[in-house]
Amino acid sequence: MISFGELVWGGVSALLGLVVPKDPRRYVFTGRQYGGNTAPLFEQARAFGIEPVWVSKRAEVVARGRADIVATRSLRGLWSVARAGAIVLTHSLGDLGPLLVPSRRTRLINVYHGMPIKRVSRADPAFMTRSYARRDLAEQARYECMIASSAATARMFAETFRLPIERVYVTGQPRTDALFRESSAAFVGRYEPQLPAHTRRILYCPTWREGASTLLFPFADRDDGALDALLERLDAVMFVRTHPNDAGRLRERRARVVALQGDVVEEVTDVLPCFDVLITDYSSVYYDFLLLDRPTIFLPYDLAEYARSPGFYLPFAQIVSGPLPDSQQPFLQALEEALMRPEQHAAERARVRRLIYEHVDARATERVLSRITRPAPR
C-alpha cells in the first residue's frame, strides 16, 4: 500500500511534470536492475549527444556510487524525471516506482528485456485477469517506439503493444552486444568451496512458469549419479540458473552441478560466451545463445500445457534447433553429443537465427541510440 508521504511525492512529481520545460537531450534510463538493454545505452549515450541519468528505486543500484545514478526518493531523481525529454525503460514505469510520474510531454521508449518466445502482455490469454492490466494498457498507449531483432519479432511487438510496425525498430538488442566481446569467466572463482577444475561448461536455464515451480531434470528415470559420472568423464560443470521468482531452483549443490543465481552473476547474457552448451525449454536466453552458434538441448516437459497458456508467438516446432530428450538416457546422449560434436544441428540453428536476427554483430547499442535520438514518425 502506498503511504501518504508517497502520495504527496507522486503528486509533486506529477505537478512538476506539468510545469517544468523538457530538455530534449535529457534522457532518464531505468530498469528492474542495472543491466539489460538499458545499461549499454546509458553507458554510451553521451557519444550521441544525450545527457543521461539513471533513476532507480533499488538501493543496490544507487549504491554503485556513480554521480549519474540517482535514487527515486531524491530531489535529483524527482527533478530528472520532471525535466526529462525521454524515459528509456525495460519493463514498465514501475521500474521507477510509484513516486515518479512522467509528464505526457516526455517520450516513453520501451526497449524491453528480451525477444520473447512465450506470449506476453496483452498477447497472453490471461493478461486481462491481472490486477495491473488496465494500468499497463494505459501506459503502453504512450510508448513512442520499441526495438526488435528481426521483421518477425517486430511483428510480435507491434501486435502485442498496438504499435504501428514502422515504430518498432529492427536494431537488435543492446544487451547482446556483449556476446561479441571477450567474456570473463571470473564468476567461476566466486564459489566456495571451489569448483573442480574443468574445461567445459553447460548452462541449464529454464523459463519461469506462473503459478508453478520449474521441474529440473524432469525425467521419470532421473539418475543424478549417472549425470555426475558423465560430467566428470567429459570434464564439465553444469550451472543451473532459474528465474529469480521461481521457487524451483537448485537446492543442493553437487560436485559438478551448481546454482548460478543473481548472487553469482547478475546479468547472465554477459557470461553466455563462457558456456559450450545451453539446456532450456522456452526461455528467451535461447534466442541470445543462437548468436554464439552453439548447441542447445530442449526439455519442454509441459509443452502442450504451455502452448495453451501463455502460448507461443511462433510454433515451437519452428524455432527448435536441437534434441528434445524425454528421459534420462537420451538426455545424457544428447549432452555428450553437444559437447563432443557441436557442429551437429548447425543447419537448424542457422535457420532459426535467420528468422530471429537481422543483425549478427555488436552494433545494436549504436543502432538504437542513433534511432531514439530522433522522434518517432507519427
Protein backbone atom coordinates (compact mmCIF):
# COMPACT_ATOMS: atom_id res chain seq x y z
CA MET A 1 0.00 0.00 0.00
CA ILE A 2 1.25 3.48 -0.90
CA SER A 3 1.75 5.73 2.13
CA PHE A 4 0.50 9.29 2.47
CA GLY A 5 4.07 10.58 2.04
CA GLU A 6 4.45 8.62 -1.18
CA LEU A 7 1.16 10.02 -2.47
CA VAL A 8 2.39 13.54 -1.76
CA TRP A 9 5.71 12.82 -3.52
CA GLY A 10 3.87 11.39 -6.52
CA GLY A 11 1.60 14.45 -6.62
CA VAL A 12 4.59 16.79 -6.58
CA SER A 13 6.18 14.75 -9.37
CA ALA A 14 3.01 14.98 -11.49
CA LEU A 15 2.77 18.75 -10.90
CA LEU A 16 6.41 19.33 -11.81
CA GLY A 17 5.91 17.25 -14.93
CA LEU A 18 3.16 19.62 -15.99
CA VAL A 19 5.02 22.88 -15.46
CA VAL A 20 8.73 22.14 -15.95
CA PRO A 21 10.06 22.61 -19.51
CA LYS A 22 11.50 19.45 -21.08
CA ASP A 23 15.11 19.16 -22.14
CA PRO A 24 15.18 17.07 -25.35
CA ARG A 25 18.76 15.99 -24.59
CA ARG A 26 17.96 14.79 -21.05
CA TYR A 27 17.16 11.07 -21.06
CA VAL A 28 16.27 9.11 -17.94
CA PHE A 29 17.26 5.43 -18.12
CA THR A 30 15.94 2.77 -15.76
CA GLY A 31 15.25 -0.96 -15.40
CA ARG A 32 14.47 -3.72 -12.93
CA GLN A 33 18.19 -3.80 -12.20
CA TYR A 34 21.29 -2.18 -13.66
CA GLY A 35 21.77 -4.12 -16.87
CA GLY A 36 19.57 -5.47 -19.63
CA ASN A 37 19.01 -3.36 -22.71
CA THR A 38 19.15 -0.01 -20.89
CA ALA A 39 22.59 -0.16 -19.25
CA PRO A 40 24.57 -0.34 -22.54
CA LEU A 41 22.51 2.57 -23.90
CA PHE A 42 23.08 4.59 -20.73
CA GLU A 43 26.83 3.99 -20.82
CA GLN A 44 27.22 5.13 -24.43
CA ALA A 45 24.56 7.85 -24.51
CA ARG A 46 26.89 10.86 -24.24
CA ALA A 47 28.56 9.94 -27.53
CA PHE A 48 25.16 10.56 -29.16
CA GLY A 49 24.52 13.97 -27.61
CA ILE A 50 22.38 12.66 -24.74
CA GLU A 51 22.67 13.82 -21.14
CA PRO A 52 21.84 10.58 -19.32
CA VAL A 53 20.65 10.00 -15.76
CA TRP A 54 19.85 6.58 -14.33
CA VAL A 55 16.98 6.74 -11.83
CA SER A 56 16.35 3.70 -9.65
CA LYS A 57 14.25 2.63 -6.69
CA ARG A 58 16.77 -0.11 -5.85
CA ALA A 59 19.32 0.63 -3.15
CA GLU A 60 21.90 -1.75 -4.64
CA VAL A 61 21.83 0.15 -7.94
CA VAL A 62 22.18 3.57 -6.28
CA ALA A 63 25.00 2.13 -4.16
CA ARG A 64 27.16 1.79 -7.28
CA GLY A 65 28.31 5.27 -6.31
CA ARG A 66 28.12 6.98 -9.71
CA ALA A 67 27.14 10.64 -9.87
CA ASP A 68 24.81 9.94 -12.80
CA ILE A 69 22.84 7.25 -10.92
CA VAL A 70 20.28 8.71 -8.53
CA ALA A 71 17.54 7.40 -6.27
CA THR A 72 13.82 7.64 -6.93
CA ARG A 73 13.48 9.03 -3.41
CA SER A 74 15.70 12.05 -4.01
CA LEU A 75 15.21 15.62 -5.15
CA ARG A 76 17.53 14.97 -8.08
CA GLY A 77 15.52 11.94 -9.12
CA LEU A 78 12.31 13.98 -8.91
CA TRP A 79 13.82 16.81 -10.95
CA SER A 80 15.41 14.47 -13.51
CA VAL A 81 12.08 12.86 -14.37
CA ALA A 82 10.29 16.22 -14.44
CA ARG A 83 12.91 17.64 -16.83
CA ALA A 84 13.36 14.54 -19.00
CA GLY A 85 12.74 14.75 -22.70
CA ALA A 86 12.64 10.93 -22.81
CA ILE A 87 12.48 7.94 -20.49
CA VAL A 88 14.03 4.66 -21.66
CA LEU A 89 12.86 1.58 -19.76
CA THR A 90 12.79 -2.22 -19.99
CA HIS A 91 9.53 -3.33 -18.38
CA SER A 92 7.17 -0.53 -17.36
CA LEU A 93 7.12 2.75 -15.46
CA GLY A 94 7.03 0.55 -12.39
CA ASP A 95 10.81 0.36 -12.92
CA LEU A 96 10.85 3.89 -11.46
CA GLY A 97 8.37 3.11 -8.71
CA PRO A 98 5.06 4.89 -7.93
CA LEU A 99 6.74 8.05 -6.65
CA LEU A 100 7.66 9.48 -10.06
CA VAL A 101 5.01 10.39 -12.61
CA PRO A 102 6.43 11.32 -16.03
CA SER A 103 4.73 14.07 -17.98
CA ARG A 104 2.81 13.17 -21.11
CA ARG A 105 5.18 15.52 -22.90
CA THR A 106 8.03 13.14 -22.08
CA ARG A 107 8.75 10.48 -24.68
CA LEU A 108 8.40 6.88 -23.44
CA ILE A 109 10.74 4.42 -25.15
CA ASN A 110 10.47 0.77 -24.14
CA VAL A 111 13.50 -1.28 -25.23
CA TYR A 112 12.06 -4.30 -23.40
CA HIS A 113 14.09 -7.09 -21.78
CA GLY A 114 14.39 -9.81 -24.39
CA MET A 115 12.91 -11.27 -27.54
CA PRO A 116 10.14 -13.40 -26.03
CA ILE A 117 9.31 -16.94 -27.05
CA LYS A 118 6.11 -17.01 -24.99
CA ARG A 119 3.23 -14.58 -25.50
CA VAL A 120 3.49 -11.57 -23.22
CA SER A 121 1.31 -8.68 -22.08
CA ARG A 122 -1.98 -8.42 -23.97
CA ALA A 123 -0.97 -11.32 -26.24
CA ASP A 124 -1.13 -13.60 -23.18
CA PRO A 125 -4.65 -15.08 -22.89
CA ALA A 126 -4.64 -14.43 -19.13
CA PHE A 127 -3.43 -10.84 -19.31
CA MET A 128 -6.75 -9.10 -18.63
CA THR A 129 -7.17 -11.09 -15.40
CA ARG A 130 -4.13 -9.32 -13.91
CA SER A 131 -4.66 -6.53 -11.40
CA TYR A 132 -2.22 -4.33 -13.31
CA ALA A 133 -3.67 -4.94 -16.80
CA ARG A 134 -5.55 -1.65 -17.24
CA ARG A 135 -2.64 0.37 -15.88
CA ASP A 136 -0.29 -1.35 -18.33
CA LEU A 137 -2.65 -0.72 -21.26
CA ALA A 138 -2.80 2.99 -20.44
CA GLU A 139 0.98 3.14 -20.24
CA GLN A 140 1.51 1.19 -23.46
CA ALA A 141 -0.64 3.70 -25.32
CA ARG A 142 2.12 6.22 -24.54
CA TYR A 143 5.01 4.21 -25.99
CA GLU A 144 6.63 6.13 -28.79
CA CYS A 145 8.59 3.14 -30.05
CA MET A 146 10.14 -0.23 -29.23
CA ILE A 147 13.01 -2.28 -30.62
CA ALA A 148 13.20 -5.76 -32.12
CA SER A 149 15.78 -8.08 -33.64
CA SER A 150 14.07 -9.02 -36.95
CA ALA A 151 10.97 -8.48 -39.01
CA ALA A 152 9.36 -11.48 -37.31
CA THR A 153 9.99 -10.18 -33.78
CA ALA A 154 8.96 -6.65 -34.81
CA ARG A 155 5.56 -8.01 -35.83
CA MET A 156 5.24 -9.68 -32.40
CA PHE A 157 5.78 -6.37 -30.59
CA ALA A 158 3.65 -4.34 -32.99
CA GLU A 159 0.70 -6.69 -32.47
CA THR A 160 1.19 -7.09 -28.72
CA PHE A 161 1.66 -3.41 -27.87
CA ARG A 162 -0.56 -1.98 -30.62
CA LEU A 163 2.23 -0.01 -32.24
CA PRO A 164 2.47 0.80 -35.94
CA ILE A 165 5.07 -1.55 -37.38
CA GLU A 166 7.22 1.39 -38.52
CA ARG A 167 7.68 2.35 -34.85
CA VAL A 168 9.23 -0.99 -33.93
CA TYR A 169 12.83 -0.58 -35.00
CA VAL A 170 14.82 -3.62 -36.12
CA THR A 171 18.06 -2.75 -34.36
CA GLY A 172 18.90 -5.83 -32.32
CA GLN A 173 19.23 -5.76 -28.53
CA PRO A 174 21.98 -3.72 -26.85
CA ARG A 175 22.49 -6.38 -24.17
CA THR A 176 23.54 -8.96 -26.77
CA ASP A 177 26.46 -6.81 -27.92
CA ALA A 178 28.33 -8.41 -25.02
CA LEU A 179 28.18 -11.76 -26.83
CA PHE A 180 30.62 -10.48 -29.44
CA ARG A 181 33.23 -9.38 -26.93
CA GLU A 182 35.62 -11.44 -24.88
CA SER A 183 33.80 -12.60 -21.76
CA SER A 184 35.42 -13.20 -18.39
CA ALA A 185 34.78 -16.45 -16.52
CA ALA A 186 35.76 -14.85 -13.23
CA PHE A 187 32.42 -15.92 -11.76
CA VAL A 188 33.78 -19.48 -11.54
CA GLY A 189 36.10 -18.30 -8.75
CA ARG A 190 33.20 -16.99 -6.64
CA TYR A 191 32.16 -20.44 -5.44
CA GLU A 192 33.11 -21.72 -2.01
CA PRO A 193 34.20 -24.46 -1.82
CA GLN A 194 35.88 -24.05 -5.18
CA LEU A 195 34.60 -25.83 -8.25
CA PRO A 196 36.60 -28.73 -9.64
CA ALA A 197 38.96 -27.84 -12.48
CA HIS A 198 37.14 -28.23 -15.79
CA THR A 199 37.40 -27.40 -19.47
CA ARG A 200 33.71 -27.41 -20.45
CA ARG A 201 30.67 -25.57 -19.09
CA ILE A 202 26.95 -26.18 -19.51
CA LEU A 203 24.22 -23.68 -18.67
CA TYR A 204 20.81 -25.05 -17.67
CA CYS A 205 18.38 -22.13 -17.81
CA PRO A 206 14.65 -22.96 -17.84
CA THR A 207 11.88 -20.39 -18.18
CA TRP A 208 9.59 -19.06 -15.47
CA ARG A 209 6.18 -20.67 -15.06
CA GLU A 210 3.46 -18.60 -13.47
CA GLY A 211 1.90 -20.42 -10.55
CA ALA A 212 4.19 -23.46 -10.77
CA SER A 213 7.79 -24.27 -9.93
CA THR A 214 10.05 -25.50 -12.71
CA LEU A 215 10.86 -29.20 -12.60
CA LEU A 216 14.60 -29.54 -13.01
CA PHE A 217 15.78 -32.69 -14.82
CA PRO A 218 12.14 -33.69 -15.45
CA PHE A 219 12.69 -37.39 -16.11
CA ALA A 220 10.80 -40.31 -14.59
CA ASP A 221 14.09 -42.23 -14.66
CA ARG A 222 16.18 -39.37 -13.27
CA ASP A 223 19.59 -40.57 -12.08
CA ASP A 224 21.81 -37.86 -10.60
CA GLY A 225 24.70 -40.27 -10.20
CA ALA A 226 24.76 -41.08 -13.91
CA LEU A 227 24.76 -37.38 -14.77
CA ASP A 228 27.56 -36.69 -12.30
CA ALA A 229 29.64 -39.51 -13.79
CA LEU A 230 29.13 -38.19 -17.34
CA LEU A 231 30.12 -34.66 -16.33
CA GLU A 232 33.27 -35.95 -14.69
CA ARG A 233 34.17 -38.03 -17.74
CA LEU A 234 33.58 -35.06 -20.06
CA ASP A 235 35.49 -32.69 -17.72
CA ALA A 236 32.43 -30.44 -17.47
CA VAL A 237 30.47 -28.47 -14.87
CA MET A 238 26.74 -27.72 -15.20
CA PHE A 239 25.46 -24.36 -13.93
CA VAL A 240 21.72 -24.17 -13.16
CA ARG A 241 20.02 -20.77 -13.32
CA THR A 242 16.30 -20.42 -12.70
CA HIS A 243 14.18 -17.27 -12.82
CA PRO A 244 14.57 -15.17 -9.64
CA ASN A 245 10.84 -15.57 -8.94
CA ASP A 246 10.89 -19.35 -9.42
CA ALA A 247 10.80 -21.45 -6.27
CA GLY A 248 12.06 -24.47 -8.21
CA ARG A 249 15.74 -23.52 -8.11
CA LEU A 250 18.55 -25.98 -7.49
CA ARG A 251 18.68 -26.57 -3.74
CA GLU A 252 21.56 -28.99 -3.32
CA ARG A 253 24.97 -28.32 -4.78
CA ARG A 254 26.82 -31.32 -6.15
CA ALA A 255 30.45 -31.55 -7.21
CA ARG A 256 29.70 -30.70 -10.87
CA VAL A 257 26.12 -29.36 -10.73
CA VAL A 258 25.86 -25.92 -9.10
CA ALA A 259 23.45 -22.99 -8.96
CA LEU A 260 24.18 -19.81 -10.93
CA GLN A 261 21.75 -17.26 -9.49
CA GLY A 262 21.98 -13.47 -9.34
CA ASP A 263 24.28 -13.52 -6.34
CA VAL A 264 26.97 -15.05 -8.57
CA VAL A 265 26.15 -13.46 -11.94
CA GLU A 266 23.70 -10.56 -12.12
CA GLU A 267 23.32 -10.42 -15.92
CA VAL A 268 23.51 -13.88 -17.47
CA THR A 269 23.85 -12.53 -21.02
CA ASP A 270 27.25 -11.10 -20.11
CA VAL A 271 28.65 -14.59 -19.44
CA LEU A 272 26.90 -16.65 -22.12
CA PRO A 273 30.12 -16.87 -24.19
CA CYS A 274 31.63 -18.85 -21.29
CA PHE A 275 29.28 -21.79 -21.95
CA ASP A 276 29.61 -24.55 -24.51
CA VAL A 277 26.03 -25.85 -24.34
CA LEU A 278 22.65 -24.47 -23.27
CA ILE A 279 19.83 -26.54 -21.79
CA THR A 280 16.45 -24.82 -21.71
CA ASP A 281 12.76 -25.18 -22.51
CA TYR A 282 11.19 -21.87 -23.61
CA SER A 283 13.49 -19.25 -22.07
CA SER A 284 14.38 -16.30 -24.29
CA VAL A 285 18.02 -16.90 -23.34
CA TYR A 286 17.86 -19.45 -26.17
CA TYR A 287 17.48 -16.66 -28.72
CA ASP A 288 20.51 -14.91 -27.21
CA PHE A 289 22.53 -18.12 -27.31
CA LEU A 290 21.77 -18.54 -31.02
CA LEU A 291 24.14 -15.66 -31.69
CA LEU A 292 27.01 -17.85 -30.46
CA ASP A 293 26.11 -20.75 -32.80
CA ARG A 294 26.47 -23.34 -30.04
CA PRO A 295 24.28 -26.35 -29.24
CA THR A 296 21.02 -26.19 -27.30
CA ILE A 297 19.16 -29.11 -25.73
CA PHE A 298 15.43 -28.67 -25.03
CA LEU A 299 13.47 -30.10 -22.10
CA PRO A 300 9.88 -28.92 -22.81
CA TYR A 301 8.20 -31.34 -20.41
CA ASP A 302 4.94 -29.33 -20.28
CA LEU A 303 4.80 -28.33 -23.94
CA ALA A 304 1.07 -28.98 -24.52
CA GLU A 305 0.07 -27.03 -21.42
CA TYR A 306 2.48 -24.17 -22.11
CA ALA A 307 1.30 -23.92 -25.71
CA ARG A 308 -2.23 -23.26 -24.44
CA SER A 309 -1.22 -20.63 -21.92
CA PRO A 310 0.63 -18.35 -22.27
CA GLY A 311 1.24 -19.78 -25.75
CA PHE A 312 3.98 -19.12 -28.29
CA TYR A 313 4.43 -16.34 -30.82
CA LEU A 314 5.92 -18.80 -33.30
CA PRO A 315 5.12 -22.53 -33.33
CA PHE A 316 7.58 -24.28 -31.04
CA ALA A 317 8.49 -26.76 -33.76
CA GLN A 318 9.52 -23.83 -35.96
CA ILE A 319 12.09 -22.47 -33.51
CA VAL A 320 13.61 -25.68 -32.10
CA SER A 321 17.17 -26.36 -33.27
CA GLY A 322 18.32 -29.31 -31.20
CA PRO A 323 17.29 -32.55 -29.49
CA LEU A 324 14.28 -32.87 -27.17
CA PRO A 325 15.06 -35.83 -24.90
CA ASP A 326 12.18 -37.00 -22.70
CA SER A 327 14.09 -39.44 -20.49
CA GLN A 328 17.47 -39.64 -18.81
CA GLN A 329 19.46 -41.80 -21.22
CA PRO A 330 18.63 -39.80 -24.37
CA PHE A 331 19.40 -36.65 -22.36
CA LEU A 332 22.85 -37.92 -21.43
CA GLN A 333 23.49 -38.93 -25.03
CA ALA A 334 22.39 -35.50 -26.28
CA LEU A 335 24.64 -33.82 -23.74
CA GLU A 336 27.68 -35.82 -24.78
CA GLU A 337 27.00 -35.20 -28.46
CA ALA A 338 26.59 -31.47 -27.88
CA LEU A 339 29.92 -31.23 -26.10
CA MET A 340 31.89 -33.54 -28.38
CA ARG A 341 30.27 -32.74 -31.74
CA PRO A 342 28.92 -29.18 -31.51
CA GLU A 343 28.59 -28.94 -35.29
CA GLN A 344 25.53 -31.21 -35.07
CA HIS A 345 22.28 -29.28 -35.70
CA ALA A 346 24.22 -26.28 -37.05
CA ALA A 347 21.89 -26.02 -40.05
CA GLU A 348 18.83 -25.87 -37.78
CA ARG A 349 20.47 -23.19 -35.66
CA ALA A 350 21.27 -21.13 -38.73
CA ARG A 351 17.67 -21.40 -39.92
CA VAL A 352 16.26 -20.10 -36.63
CA ARG A 353 18.95 -17.43 -36.33
CA ARG A 354 17.96 -16.02 -39.74
CA LEU A 355 14.35 -15.86 -38.54
CA ILE A 356 15.11 -14.11 -35.24
CA TYR A 357 18.06 -11.87 -36.21
CA GLU A 358 18.57 -9.39 -38.99
CA HIS A 359 21.86 -8.19 -37.48
CA VAL A 360 24.51 -10.56 -36.11
CA ASP A 361 27.06 -8.12 -34.74
CA ALA A 362 28.00 -5.94 -31.75
CA ARG A 363 26.41 -2.72 -33.01
CA ALA A 364 22.87 -2.90 -31.59
CA THR A 365 23.59 -0.22 -28.96
CA GLU A 366 24.81 2.14 -31.66
CA ARG A 367 21.76 1.49 -33.86
CA VAL A 368 19.31 2.04 -31.00
CA LEU A 369 20.91 5.29 -29.85
CA SER A 370 21.08 6.57 -33.42
CA ARG A 371 17.37 5.93 -33.80
CA ILE A 372 15.95 7.08 -30.46
CA THR A 373 17.73 10.43 -30.66
CA ARG A 374 15.21 11.21 -33.39
CA PRO A 375 11.47 11.39 -32.62
CA ALA A 376 9.40 8.53 -34.00
CA PRO A 377 7.21 9.15 -37.04
CA ARG A 378 3.62 9.95 -36.15
